[in-house]
Amino acid sequence: MGPDLDTLATALYVRIDDLLADNPHWAPRRPEVGFAPRLSDAELVTLAVISALLGFDSERRFVRFAQEHLVPWFPYVPNHDGFNKRLRRCGDMIGRVIAALARDCPDWHDDVWLADSTPVPCGASRQTAQRSGLAEWAEYGWCAAHSRWFWGLRLHMIATPAGLPVAFALAGAKADERDICAAMIDRAGLTRPGQTLIVDKGYRSKAFEADLNSAAITVVRPAARNEPDRPHQRFLRPFRQIIESVYDTLKGQLSLERHNGRTRAGVAVRVLTRILALTAAIWHNRAHHPERSPRSLTPYDH
């Protein structure tokens, strides 16, 4: 590992270990067999984040890489099956860690949010859509950005202008963006009077805006053709480019679309790992490298 990735991985491991010590119920349950695992949960999740930052889209390849090159930092790395099974059980824990790291960042208190969704394809053939373990979750949906149909899920996210994920959800490709966004805010307890939520035209709904306005959250979106210009229109283009750039980081540098998940738990934990990698980079950059762009991953990808 390079020196920057080394310091990030060390800081992340220590923070996760502290979080699990304070919240032992976060860790997945395991049988009380009288001995501790040779690889701790904090080490396991740190390895998964390293895999995402280094651009691995195959767990088998990463496990071989780790067993050969990461022994000075991780003396024991399980084989692929063990790594896979343990990581699949850590989805809930990873989600809690993401939320804790995000709250450690000063960006968490930003009064502007950006919301959007992006496709997470899960298959390309009709046979996959019929036989996959994701068949009851994944759906056919339309990607307007690329003018194409896809079969899979959508990642919905609320982020700050620095790119920090505030809330996120995986849902079927046809799920209503407005319902998911409102549910994310409600479930995460994010209602903040005076907050501004910037969205695109797909979130246009009187009921959606009325619900958020009742919580003192202002919705900024493009005006429809039959509407007069709405307030703050001049801010839409630069802020919309930011959320698109966040998704580009997840897809390009963190290989979101190449998750290779085949089950619900598999897809969920792979997506969560990539969101954790992005959150950890922002968290570490803000704390130790304020001169960098908070979303810069280049120092950690080698």
C-alpha atoms as a PDB file:
ATOM      1  CA  MET A   1       0.000   0.000   0.000  1.00  0.00           C
ATOM      2  CA  GLY A   2       1.056   3.570  -0.643  1.00  0.00           C
ATOM      3  CA  PRO A   3       1.659   5.855   2.359  1.00  0.00           C
ATOM      4  CA  ASP A   4      -1.639   7.721   1.949  1.00  0.00           C
ATOM      5  CA  LEU A   5      -3.679   4.527   1.736  1.00  0.00           C
ATOM      6  CA  ASP A   6      -1.726   3.152   4.697  1.00  0.00           C
ATOM      7  CA  THR A   7      -2.615   6.136   6.900  1.00  0.00           C
ATOM      8  CA  LEU A   8      -6.256   6.100   5.775  1.00  0.00           C
ATOM      9  CA  ALA A   9      -6.592   2.345   6.404  1.00  0.00           C
ATOM     10  CA  THR A  10      -4.979   2.664   9.841  1.00  0.00           C
ATOM     11  CA  ALA A  11      -7.215   5.581  10.858  1.00  0.00           C
ATOM     12  CA  LEU A  12     -10.303   3.808   9.547  1.00  0.00           C
ATOM     13  CA  TYR A  13      -9.460   0.567  11.352  1.00  0.00           C
ATOM     14  CA  VAL A  14      -8.955   2.406  14.664  1.00  0.00           C
ATOM     15  CA  ARG A  15     -12.238   4.330  14.258  1.00  0.00           C
ATOM     16  CA  ILE A  16     -14.247   1.206  13.394  1.00  0.00           C
ATOM     17  CA  ASP A  17     -12.660  -0.701  16.268  1.00  0.00           C
ATOM     18  CA  ASP A  18     -13.601   2.100  18.676  1.00  0.00           C
ATOM     19  CA  LEU A  19     -17.158   2.222  17.312  1.00  0.00           C
ATOM     20  CA  LEU A  20     -17.593  -1.537  17.734  1.00  0.00           C
ATOM     21  CA  ALA A  21     -16.147  -1.389  21.254  1.00  0.00           C
ATOM     22  CA  ASP A  22     -18.722   1.265  22.168  1.00  0.00           C
ATOM     23  CA  ASN A  23     -21.539  -0.453  20.242  1.00  0.00           C
ATOM     24  CA  PRO A  24     -20.928  -4.228  20.332  1.00  0.00           C
ATOM     25  CA  HIS A  25     -24.482  -4.869  19.106  1.00  0.00           C
ATOM     26  CA  TRP A  26     -23.480  -3.437  15.708  1.00  0.00           C
ATOM     27  CA  ALA A  27     -21.302  -6.462  14.931  1.00  0.00           C
ATOM     28  CA  PRO A  28     -22.947  -9.486  13.276  1.00  0.00           C
ATOM     29  CA  ARG A  29     -23.859 -12.225  15.705  1.00  0.00           C
ATOM     30  CA  ARG A  30     -21.646 -15.292  15.765  1.00  0.00           C
ATOM     31  CA  PRO A  31     -21.804 -18.557  17.728  1.00  0.00           C
ATOM     32  CA  GLU A  32     -20.100 -18.516  21.097  1.00  0.00           C
ATOM     33  CA  VAL A  33     -17.550 -21.191  20.297  1.00  0.00           C
ATOM     34  CA  GLY A  34     -14.921 -20.072  22.773  1.00  0.00           C
ATOM     35  CA  PHE A  35     -12.420 -18.310  20.499  1.00  0.00           C
ATOM     36  CA  ALA A  36     -12.187 -15.009  18.643  1.00  0.00           C
ATOM     37  CA  PRO A  37     -11.891 -14.900  14.850  1.00  0.00           C
ATOM     38  CA  ARG A  38      -8.358 -14.426  13.538  1.00  0.00           C
ATOM     39  CA  LEU A  39      -9.531 -11.464  11.468  1.00  0.00           C
ATOM     40  CA  SER A  40     -11.587  -8.931  13.422  1.00  0.00           C
ATOM     41  CA  ASP A  41     -14.689  -7.255  12.039  1.00  0.00           C
ATOM     42  CA  ALA A  42     -12.835  -3.920  11.919  1.00  0.00           C
ATOM     43  CA  GLU A  43     -10.017  -5.518   9.901  1.00  0.00           C
ATOM     44  CA  LEU A  44     -12.514  -7.207   7.576  1.00  0.00           C
ATOM     45  CA  VAL A  45     -14.319  -3.964   6.750  1.00  0.00           C
ATOM     46  CA  THR A  46     -11.027  -2.094   6.369  1.00  0.00           C
ATOM     47  CA  LEU A  47      -9.881  -4.727   3.861  1.00  0.00           C
ATOM     48  CA  ALA A  48     -13.124  -4.301   1.922  1.00  0.00           C
ATOM     49  CA  VAL A  49     -12.583  -0.533   1.761  1.00  0.00           C
ATOM     50  CA  ILE A  50      -9.003  -1.039   0.554  1.00  0.00           C
ATOM     51  CA  SER A  51     -10.369  -3.327  -2.165  1.00  0.00           C
ATOM     52  CA  ALA A  52     -12.787  -0.610  -3.329  1.00  0.00           C
ATOM     53  CA  LEU A  53     -10.179   2.148  -3.262  1.00  0.00           C
ATOM     54  CA  LEU A  54      -7.724   0.039  -5.263  1.00  0.00           C
ATOM     55  CA  GLY A  55     -10.398  -0.600  -7.890  1.00  0.00           C
ATOM     56  CA  PHE A  56     -10.858  -4.349  -7.445  1.00  0.00           C
ATOM     57  CA  ASP A  57     -14.181  -5.611  -8.785  1.00  0.00           C
ATOM     58  CA  SER A  58     -13.384  -9.280  -8.061  1.00  0.00           C
ATOM     59  CA  GLU A  59     -13.184 -10.514  -4.475  1.00  0.00           C
ATOM     60  CA  ARG A  60     -11.156 -13.548  -5.550  1.00  0.00           C
ATOM     61  CA  ARG A  61      -8.502 -11.356  -7.154  1.00  0.00           C
ATOM     62  CA  PHE A  62      -8.412  -9.040  -4.149  1.00  0.00           C
ATOM     63  CA  VAL A  63      -8.056 -11.904  -1.655  1.00  0.00           C
ATOM     64  CA  ARG A  64      -5.097 -13.255  -3.650  1.00  0.00           C
ATOM     65  CA  PHE A  65      -3.609  -9.750  -3.753  1.00  0.00           C
ATOM     66  CA  ALA A  66      -4.102  -9.252  -0.004  1.00  0.00           C
ATOM     67  CA  GLN A  67      -2.593 -12.628   0.886  1.00  0.00           C
ATOM     68  CA  GLU A  68       0.482 -11.763  -1.150  1.00  0.00           C
ATOM     69  CA  HIS A  69       0.939  -8.018  -0.594  1.00  0.00           C
ATOM     70  CA  LEU A  70      -0.921  -6.971   2.585  1.00  0.00           C
ATOM     71  CA  VAL A  71       0.536  -9.490   5.055  1.00  0.00           C
ATOM     72  CA  PRO A  72       2.566  -6.798   6.915  1.00  0.00           C
ATOM     73  CA  TRP A  73      -0.716  -5.081   7.792  1.00  0.00           C
ATOM     74  CA  PHE A  74      -3.077  -8.091   7.879  1.00  0.00           C
ATOM     75  CA  PRO A  75      -1.155 -11.244   8.912  1.00  0.00           C
ATOM     76  CA  TYR A  76      -4.252 -13.385   8.332  1.00  0.00           C
ATOM     77  CA  VAL A  77      -6.569 -13.021   5.343  1.00  0.00           C
ATOM     78  CA  PRO A  78      -9.197 -15.772   4.939  1.00  0.00           C
ATOM     79  CA  ASN A  79      -9.768 -17.515   1.640  1.00  0.00           C
ATOM     80  CA  HIS A  80     -12.394 -16.142  -0.741  1.00  0.00           C
ATOM     81  CA  ASP A  81     -15.300 -18.158   0.664  1.00  0.00           C
ATOM     82  CA  GLY A  82     -14.603 -17.080   4.221  1.00  0.00           C
ATOM     83  CA  PHE A  83     -14.092 -13.457   3.242  1.00  0.00           C
ATOM     84  CA  ASN A  84     -17.284 -13.477   1.174  1.00  0.00           C
ATOM     85  CA  LYS A  85     -19.492 -15.087   3.841  1.00  0.00           C
ATOM     86  CA  ARG A  86     -18.314 -12.837   6.650  1.00  0.00           C
ATOM     87  CA  LEU A  87     -18.568  -9.642   4.627  1.00  0.00           C
ATOM     88  CA  ARG A  88     -22.134 -10.466   3.507  1.00  0.00           C
ATOM     89  CA  ARG A  89     -23.179 -10.509   7.167  1.00  0.00           C
ATOM     90  CA  CYS A  90     -21.721  -7.057   7.818  1.00  0.00           C
ATOM     91  CA  GLY A  91     -24.129  -4.949   5.757  1.00  0.00           C
ATOM     92  CA  ASP A  92     -25.969  -3.460   8.713  1.00  0.00           C
ATOM     93  CA  MET A  93     -22.708  -2.760  10.536  1.00  0.00           C
ATOM     94  CA  ILE A  94     -21.203  -1.011   7.500  1.00  0.00           C
ATOM     95  CA  GLY A  95     -24.281   1.199   7.193  1.00  0.00           C
ATOM     96  CA  ARG A  96     -23.891   2.268  10.832  1.00  0.00           C
ATOM     97  CA  VAL A  97     -20.184   2.959  10.352  1.00  0.00           C
ATOM     98  CA  ILE A  98     -20.925   5.143   7.316  1.00  0.00           C
ATOM     99  CA  ALA A  99     -23.397   7.191   9.370  1.00  0.00           C
ATOM    100  CA  ALA A 100     -20.897   7.573  12.239  1.00  0.00           C
ATOM    101  CA  LEU A 101     -18.066   8.694   9.945  1.00  0.00           C
ATOM    102  CA  ALA A 102     -20.356  11.136   8.157  1.00  0.00           C
ATOM    103  CA  ARG A 103     -21.333  12.726  11.471  1.00  0.00           C
ATOM    104  CA  ASP A 104     -17.629  13.149  12.282  1.00  0.00           C
ATOM    105  CA  CYS A 105     -17.233  15.420   9.238  1.00  0.00           C
ATOM    106  CA  PRO A 106     -17.929  19.162   9.387  1.00  0.00           C
ATOM    107  CA  ASP A 107     -19.817  18.786   6.084  1.00  0.00           C
ATOM    108  CA  TRP A 108     -22.547  16.887   7.932  1.00  0.00           C
ATOM    109  CA  HIS A 109     -23.904  20.238   9.161  1.00  0.00           C
ATOM    110  CA  ASP A 110     -24.107  21.811   5.696  1.00  0.00           C
ATOM    111  CA  ASP A 111     -27.513  23.429   5.152  1.00  0.00           C
ATOM    112  CA  VAL A 112     -27.647  22.381   1.469  1.00  0.00           C
ATOM    113  CA  TRP A 113     -28.414  18.843   0.314  1.00  0.00           C
ATOM    114  CA  LEU A 114     -28.333  17.338  -3.161  1.00  0.00           C
ATOM    115  CA  ALA A 115     -30.597  14.395  -4.029  1.00  0.00           C
ATOM    116  CA  ASP A 116     -30.620  12.118  -7.050  1.00  0.00           C
ATOM    117  CA  SER A 117     -30.579   8.458  -8.054  1.00  0.00           C
ATOM    118  CA  THR A 118     -28.461   6.413 -10.426  1.00  0.00           C
ATOM    119  CA  PRO A 119     -28.872   2.962 -12.026  1.00  0.00           C
ATOM    120  CA  VAL A 120     -27.123  -0.043 -10.495  1.00  0.00           C
ATOM    121  CA  PRO A 121     -27.404  -2.712 -13.232  1.00  0.00           C
ATOM    122  CA  CYS A 122     -27.565  -6.304 -11.992  1.00  0.00           C
ATOM    123  CA  GLY A 123     -27.781  -8.279 -15.226  1.00  0.00           C
ATOM    124  CA  ALA A 124     -27.973  -7.946 -18.980  1.00  0.00           C
ATOM    125  CA  SER A 125     -29.856 -11.020 -20.217  1.00  0.00           C
ATOM    126  CA  ARG A 126     -33.444 -12.187 -20.004  1.00  0.00           C
ATOM    127  CA  GLN A 127     -32.320 -15.452 -18.417  1.00  0.00           C
ATOM    128  CA  THR A 128     -30.581 -13.536 -15.640  1.00  0.00           C
ATOM    129  CA  ALA A 129     -33.687 -11.475 -14.971  1.00  0.00           C
ATOM    130  CA  GLN A 130     -35.793 -14.643 -14.699  1.00  0.00           C
ATOM    131  CA  ARG A 131     -33.443 -16.829 -12.658  1.00  0.00           C
ATOM    132  CA  SER A 132     -31.404 -14.408 -10.552  1.00  0.00           C
ATOM    133  CA  GLY A 133     -31.724 -14.331  -6.781  1.00  0.00           C
ATOM    134  CA  LEU A 134     -32.488 -10.631  -7.266  1.00  0.00           C
ATOM    135  CA  ALA A 135     -35.569 -11.308  -9.389  1.00  0.00           C
ATOM    136  CA  GLU A 136     -38.060 -10.114  -6.744  1.00  0.00           C
ATOM    137  CA  TRP A 137     -36.081  -6.932  -6.031  1.00  0.00           C
ATOM    138  CA  ALA A 138     -34.484  -5.838  -9.303  1.00  0.00           C
ATOM    139  CA  GLU A 139     -36.667  -4.411 -12.093  1.00  0.00           C
ATOM    140  CA  TYR A 140     -36.446  -3.052 -15.605  1.00  0.00           C
ATOM    141  CA  GLY A 141     -36.032   0.705 -15.592  1.00  0.00           C
ATOM    142  CA  TRP A 142     -35.145   3.575 -17.895  1.00  0.00           C
ATOM    143  CA  CYS A 143     -31.892   5.511 -17.565  1.00  0.00           C
ATOM    144  CA  ALA A 144     -32.565   8.953 -19.036  1.00  0.00           C
ATOM    145  CA  ALA A 145     -28.920  10.033 -18.764  1.00  0.00           C
ATOM    146  CA  HIS A 146     -27.813   7.281 -21.173  1.00  0.00           C
ATOM    147  CA  SER A 147     -31.142   6.752 -22.998  1.00  0.00           C
ATOM    148  CA  ARG A 148     -31.212   3.024 -22.294  1.00  0.00           C
ATOM    149  CA  TRP A 149     -33.153   0.390 -20.432  1.00  0.00           C
ATOM    150  CA  PHE A 150     -31.463  -1.614 -17.704  1.00  0.00           C
ATOM    151  CA  TRP A 151     -32.379  -4.420 -15.324  1.00  0.00           C
ATOM    152  CA  GLY A 152     -31.421  -3.859 -11.732  1.00  0.00           C
ATOM    153  CA  LEU A 153     -31.740  -1.361  -8.916  1.00  0.00           C
ATOM    154  CA  ARG A 154     -31.320   2.343  -8.308  1.00  0.00           C
ATOM    155  CA  LEU A 155     -29.055   3.888  -5.720  1.00  0.00           C
ATOM    156  CA  HIS A 156     -30.803   6.882  -4.177  1.00  0.00           C
ATOM    157  CA  MET A 157     -28.613   9.331  -2.301  1.00  0.00           C
ATOM    158  CA  ILE A 158     -28.732  12.599  -0.423  1.00  0.00           C
ATOM    159  CA  ALA A 159     -25.283  14.226  -0.310  1.00  0.00           C
ATOM    160  CA  THR A 160     -23.713  17.518   0.697  1.00  0.00           C
ATOM    161  CA  PRO A 161     -21.975  19.797  -1.848  1.00  0.00           C
ATOM    162  CA  ALA A 162     -18.657  18.247  -0.703  1.00  0.00           C
ATOM    163  CA  GLY A 163     -19.983  14.849  -1.825  1.00  0.00           C
ATOM    164  CA  LEU A 164     -20.499  13.463   1.689  1.00  0.00           C
ATOM    165  CA  PRO A 165     -23.297  10.840   1.682  1.00  0.00           C
ATOM    166  CA  VAL A 166     -25.943  11.871   4.210  1.00  0.00           C
ATOM    167  CA  ALA A 167     -28.520   9.191   3.408  1.00  0.00           C
ATOM    168  CA  PHE A 168     -28.832   6.460   0.797  1.00  0.00           C
ATOM    169  CA  ALA A 169     -31.081   3.596  -0.225  1.00  0.00           C
ATOM    170  CA  LEU A 170     -31.195   0.789  -2.789  1.00  0.00           C
ATOM    171  CA  ALA A 171     -34.558   0.232  -4.419  1.00  0.00           C
ATOM    172  CA  GLY A 172     -36.077  -1.306  -7.521  1.00  0.00           C
ATOM    173  CA  ALA A 173     -35.509   0.538 -10.772  1.00  0.00           C
ATOM    174  CA  LYS A 174     -39.156   1.695 -10.925  1.00  0.00           C
ATOM    175  CA  ALA A 175     -39.409   2.988  -7.351  1.00  0.00           C
ATOM    176  CA  ASP A 176     -40.625   6.583  -7.096  1.00  0.00           C
ATOM    177  CA  GLU A 177     -37.684   8.902  -6.373  1.00  0.00           C
ATOM    178  CA  ARG A 178     -39.858  11.240  -4.313  1.00  0.00           C
ATOM    179  CA  ASP A 179     -41.139   8.483  -2.033  1.00  0.00           C
ATOM    180  CA  ILE A 180     -37.624   7.126  -1.490  1.00  0.00           C
ATOM    181  CA  CYS A 181     -36.211  10.580  -0.765  1.00  0.00           C
ATOM    182  CA  ALA A 182     -38.927  11.389   1.767  1.00  0.00           C
ATOM    183  CA  ALA A 183     -38.465   7.974   3.413  1.00  0.00           C
ATOM    184  CA  MET A 184     -34.684   8.468   3.669  1.00  0.00           C
ATOM    185  CA  ILE A 185     -35.113  11.817   5.406  1.00  0.00           C
ATOM    186  CA  ASP A 186     -37.722  10.444   7.771  1.00  0.00           C
ATOM    187  CA  ARG A 187     -35.980   7.169   8.604  1.00  0.00           C
ATOM    188  CA  ALA A 188     -32.596   8.776   9.259  1.00  0.00           C
ATOM    189  CA  GLY A 189     -34.148  11.533  11.373  1.00  0.00           C
ATOM    190  CA  LEU A 190     -32.660  14.206   9.124  1.00  0.00           C
ATOM    191  CA  THR A 191     -35.412  16.798   9.323  1.00  0.00           C
ATOM    192  CA  ARG A 192     -33.690  20.156   9.858  1.00  0.00           C
ATOM    193  CA  PRO A 193     -35.562  23.457   9.697  1.00  0.00           C
ATOM    194  CA  GLY A 194     -33.867  25.807   7.249  1.00  0.00           C
ATOM    195  CA  GLN A 195     -32.407  23.037   5.105  1.00  0.00           C
ATOM    196  CA  THR A 196     -32.374  23.365   1.293  1.00  0.00           C
ATOM    197  CA  LEU A 197     -32.818  20.275  -0.882  1.00  0.00           C
ATOM    198  CA  ILE A 198     -31.733  20.608  -4.535  1.00  0.00           C
ATOM    199  CA  VAL A 199     -33.272  18.059  -6.905  1.00  0.00           C
ATOM    200  CA  ASP A 200     -33.998  17.576 -10.599  1.00  0.00           C
ATOM    201  CA  LYS A 201     -37.318  17.658 -12.432  1.00  0.00           C
ATOM    202  CA  GLY A 202     -38.033  13.994 -11.591  1.00  0.00           C
ATOM    203  CA  TYR A 203     -38.846  15.050  -8.018  1.00  0.00           C
ATOM    204  CA  ARG A 204     -41.574  17.483  -9.061  1.00  0.00           C
ATOM    205  CA  SER A 205     -44.653  16.856  -6.911  1.00  0.00           C
ATOM    206  CA  LYS A 206     -46.918  19.155  -4.944  1.00  0.00           C
ATOM    207  CA  ALA A 207     -47.358  16.569  -2.199  1.00  0.00           C
ATOM    208  CA  PHE A 208     -43.601  15.939  -1.921  1.00  0.00           C
ATOM    209  CA  GLU A 209     -42.806  19.643  -1.681  1.00  0.00           C
ATOM    210  CA  ALA A 210     -45.651  20.290   0.738  1.00  0.00           C
ATOM    211  CA  ASP A 211     -44.421  17.557   3.098  1.00  0.00           C
ATOM    212  CA  LEU A 212     -40.879  18.935   3.099  1.00  0.00           C
ATOM    213  CA  ASN A 213     -42.044  22.544   3.375  1.00  0.00           C
ATOM    214  CA  SER A 214     -44.065  21.571   6.453  1.00  0.00           C
ATOM    215  CA  ALA A 215     -40.751  20.449   7.975  1.00  0.00           C
ATOM    216  CA  ALA A 216     -39.190  23.803   6.972  1.00  0.00           C
ATOM    217  CA  ILE A 217     -37.097  22.199   4.196  1.00  0.00           C
ATOM    218  CA  THR A 218     -37.002  24.230   0.980  1.00  0.00           C
ATOM    219  CA  VAL A 219     -37.055  22.275  -2.291  1.00  0.00           C
ATOM    220  CA  VAL A 220     -35.148  23.817  -5.207  1.00  0.00           C
ATOM    221  CA  ARG A 221     -35.865  22.233  -8.590  1.00  0.00           C
ATOM    222  CA  PRO A 222     -36.189  23.228 -12.259  1.00  0.00           C
ATOM    223  CA  ALA A 223     -39.440  24.877 -13.229  1.00  0.00           C
ATOM    224  CA  ALA A 224     -41.818  22.931 -15.446  1.00  0.00           C
ATOM    225  CA  ARG A 225     -42.721  24.332 -18.859  1.00  0.00           C
ATOM    226  CA  ASN A 226     -46.059  25.607 -17.606  1.00  0.00           C
ATOM    227  CA  GLU A 227     -44.569  27.187 -14.466  1.00  0.00           C
ATOM    228  CA  PRO A 228     -42.993  30.613 -13.949  1.00  0.00           C
ATOM    229  CA  ASP A 229     -39.331  30.704 -12.980  1.00  0.00           C
ATOM    230  CA  ARG A 230     -38.814  29.367  -9.479  1.00  0.00           C
ATOM    231  CA  PRO A 231     -36.564  30.936  -6.823  1.00  0.00           C
ATOM    232  CA  HIS A 232     -32.845  30.074  -6.840  1.00  0.00           C
ATOM    233  CA  GLN A 233     -32.878  28.791 -10.438  1.00  0.00           C
ATOM    234  CA  ARG A 234     -29.361  30.109 -11.036  1.00  0.00           C
ATOM    235  CA  PHE A 235     -27.955  27.670  -8.465  1.00  0.00           C
ATOM    236  CA  LEU A 236     -29.332  24.549 -10.106  1.00  0.00           C
ATOM    237  CA  ARG A 237     -26.752  23.881 -12.808  1.00  0.00           C
ATOM    238  CA  PRO A 238     -23.560  23.987 -10.669  1.00  0.00           C
ATOM    239  CA  PHE A 239     -25.117  21.985  -7.841  1.00  0.00           C
ATOM    240  CA  ARG A 240     -26.642  19.405 -10.182  1.00  0.00           C
ATOM    241  CA  GLN A 241     -23.178  18.895 -11.676  1.00  0.00           C
ATOM    242  CA  ILE A 242     -21.852  18.125  -8.184  1.00  0.00           C
ATOM    243  CA  ILE A 243     -24.223  15.229  -7.527  1.00  0.00           C
ATOM    244  CA  GLU A 244     -23.518  13.867 -11.010  1.00  0.00           C
ATOM    245  CA  SER A 245     -19.808  14.081 -10.195  1.00  0.00           C
ATOM    246  CA  VAL A 246     -20.354  12.156  -6.941  1.00  0.00           C
ATOM    247  CA  TYR A 247     -22.002   9.328  -8.865  1.00  0.00           C
ATOM    248  CA  ASP A 248     -19.224   9.467 -11.441  1.00  0.00           C
ATOM    249  CA  THR A 249     -16.708   8.934  -8.630  1.00  0.00           C
ATOM    250  CA  LEU A 250     -18.670   5.948  -7.338  1.00  0.00           C
ATOM    251  CA  LYS A 251     -18.945   4.424 -10.805  1.00  0.00           C
ATOM    252  CA  GLY A 252     -15.559   5.333 -12.228  1.00  0.00           C
ATOM    253  CA  GLN A 253     -13.037   5.151  -9.402  1.00  0.00           C
ATOM    254  CA  LEU A 254     -15.012   2.846  -7.089  1.00  0.00           C
ATOM    255  CA  SER A 255     -16.532   0.552  -9.774  1.00  0.00           C
ATOM    256  CA  LEU A 256     -20.112   0.783  -8.488  1.00  0.00           C
ATOM    257  CA  GLU A 257     -21.604  -0.698 -11.660  1.00  0.00           C
ATOM    258  CA  ARG A 258     -19.107  -3.603 -11.632  1.00  0.00           C
ATOM    259  CA  HIS A 259     -20.258  -4.896  -8.268  1.00  0.00           C
ATOM    260  CA  ASN A 260     -20.784  -8.487  -9.531  1.00  0.00           C
ATOM    261  CA  GLY A 261     -23.353  -9.151  -6.805  1.00  0.00           C
ATOM    262  CA  ARG A 262     -25.734 -12.059  -7.338  1.00  0.00           C
ATOM    263  CA  THR A 263     -27.818 -11.990  -4.134  1.00  0.00           C
ATOM    264  CA  ARG A 264     -29.539  -9.298  -2.100  1.00  0.00           C
ATOM    265  CA  ALA A 265     -26.885  -9.380   0.603  1.00  0.00           C
ATOM    266  CA  GLY A 266     -24.110  -9.522  -1.981  1.00  0.00           C
ATOM    267  CA  VAL A 267     -25.269  -6.478  -3.940  1.00  0.00           C
ATOM    268  CA  ALA A 268     -26.106  -4.506  -0.793  1.00  0.00           C
ATOM    269  CA  VAL A 269     -22.745  -5.025   0.917  1.00  0.00           C
ATOM    270  CA  ARG A 270     -20.766  -4.262  -2.246  1.00  0.00           C
ATOM    271  CA  VAL A 271     -22.637  -0.987  -2.747  1.00  0.00           C
ATOM    272  CA  LEU A 272     -22.274  -0.133   0.947  1.00  0.00           C
ATOM    273  CA  THR A 273     -18.542  -0.831   0.806  1.00  0.00           C
ATOM    274  CA  ARG A 274     -18.133   1.679  -2.014  1.00  0.00           C
ATOM    275  CA  ILE A 275     -20.159   4.309  -0.174  1.00  0.00           C
ATOM    276  CA  LEU A 276     -18.014   3.677   2.923  1.00  0.00           C
ATOM    277  CA  ALA A 277     -14.837   4.087   0.846  1.00  0.00           C
ATOM    278  CA  LEU A 278     -16.067   7.470  -0.418  1.00  0.00           C
ATOM    279  CA  THR A 279     -17.154   8.564   3.074  1.00  0.00           C
ATOM    280  CA  ALA A 280     -13.864   7.433   4.624  1.00  0.00           C
ATOM    281  CA  ALA A 281     -11.841   9.375   2.038  1.00  0.00           C
ATOM    282  CA  ILE A 282     -13.819  12.574   2.713  1.00  0.00           C
ATOM    283  CA  TRP A 283     -13.547  12.004   6.483  1.00  0.00           C
ATOM    284  CA  HIS A 284      -9.787  11.484   6.276  1.00  0.00           C
ATOM    285  CA  ASN A 285      -9.160  14.362   3.848  1.00  0.00           C
ATOM    286  CA  ARG A 286     -11.111  16.798   6.017  1.00  0.00           C
ATOM    287  CA  ALA A 287      -9.205  15.749   9.149  1.00  0.00           C
ATOM    288  CA  HIS A 288      -5.675  15.414   7.779  1.00  0.00           C
ATOM    289  CA  HIS A 289      -5.484  17.005   4.315  1.00  0.00           C
ATOM    290  CA  PRO A 290      -7.632  20.163   4.263  1.00  0.00           C
ATOM    291  CA  GLU A 291      -5.692  21.404   1.232  1.00  0.00           C
ATOM    292  CA  ARG A 292      -7.139  18.581  -0.891  1.00  0.00           C
ATOM    293  CA  SER A 293     -10.499  18.376  -2.527  1.00  0.00           C
ATOM    294  CA  PRO A 294     -12.551  16.475   0.061  1.00  0.00           C
ATOM    295  CA  ARG A 295     -13.623  13.868  -2.497  1.00  0.00           C
ATOM    296  CA  SER A 296     -10.130  13.246  -3.875  1.00  0.00           C
ATOM    297  CA  LEU A 297      -9.448   9.495  -4.079  1.00  0.00           C
ATOM    298  CA  THR A 298      -6.321   9.617  -6.244  1.00  0.00           C
ATOM    299  CA  PRO A 299      -3.877   9.538  -3.277  1.00  0.00           C
ATOM    300  CA  TYR A 300      -5.468   6.270  -2.122  1.00  0.00           C
ATOM    301  CA  ASP A 301      -5.853   4.302  -5.355  1.00  0.00           C
ATOM    302  CA  HIS A 302      -2.359   2.798  -5.519  1.00  0.00           C
END
